[in-house]
Amino acid sequence: MENIKESELVRIQSLIYEIRGYKVMVDRDLAKLYGVETKVLNQAVKRNIKRFPEDFMFQLTHEECLRSQFVTLNTRRRLISDLVAFYTIIL
């Protein structure tokens, strides 16, 4: 962490949210930090799911989606938040 500039650290911290009592990052933000596509990150985790703690990744329930800032609408006006994965962060 010594090589990370303070401004970069602040930017990364701004990408961390609290959901269900966990500190989490949205899959697209975590993928960007690793320099990979979101789809690639999610596929890698799903392929290796046994290597991660049970609560490492989750998606919002429908009820959580309805009151979440992460809910977006596609052009057909359908909720697409079920496509967003959240990864728990250990600080």
Foldseek 3Di string as FASTA:
>chain_A
DVPDDPVNVVVVVVQWDADPNFTKGKLCVVCVVVVHHSVVVVVVCVVVVVVDPPVQKDADDPVCLVVDPQWDADPVRDTPSRVIMIGGDDD
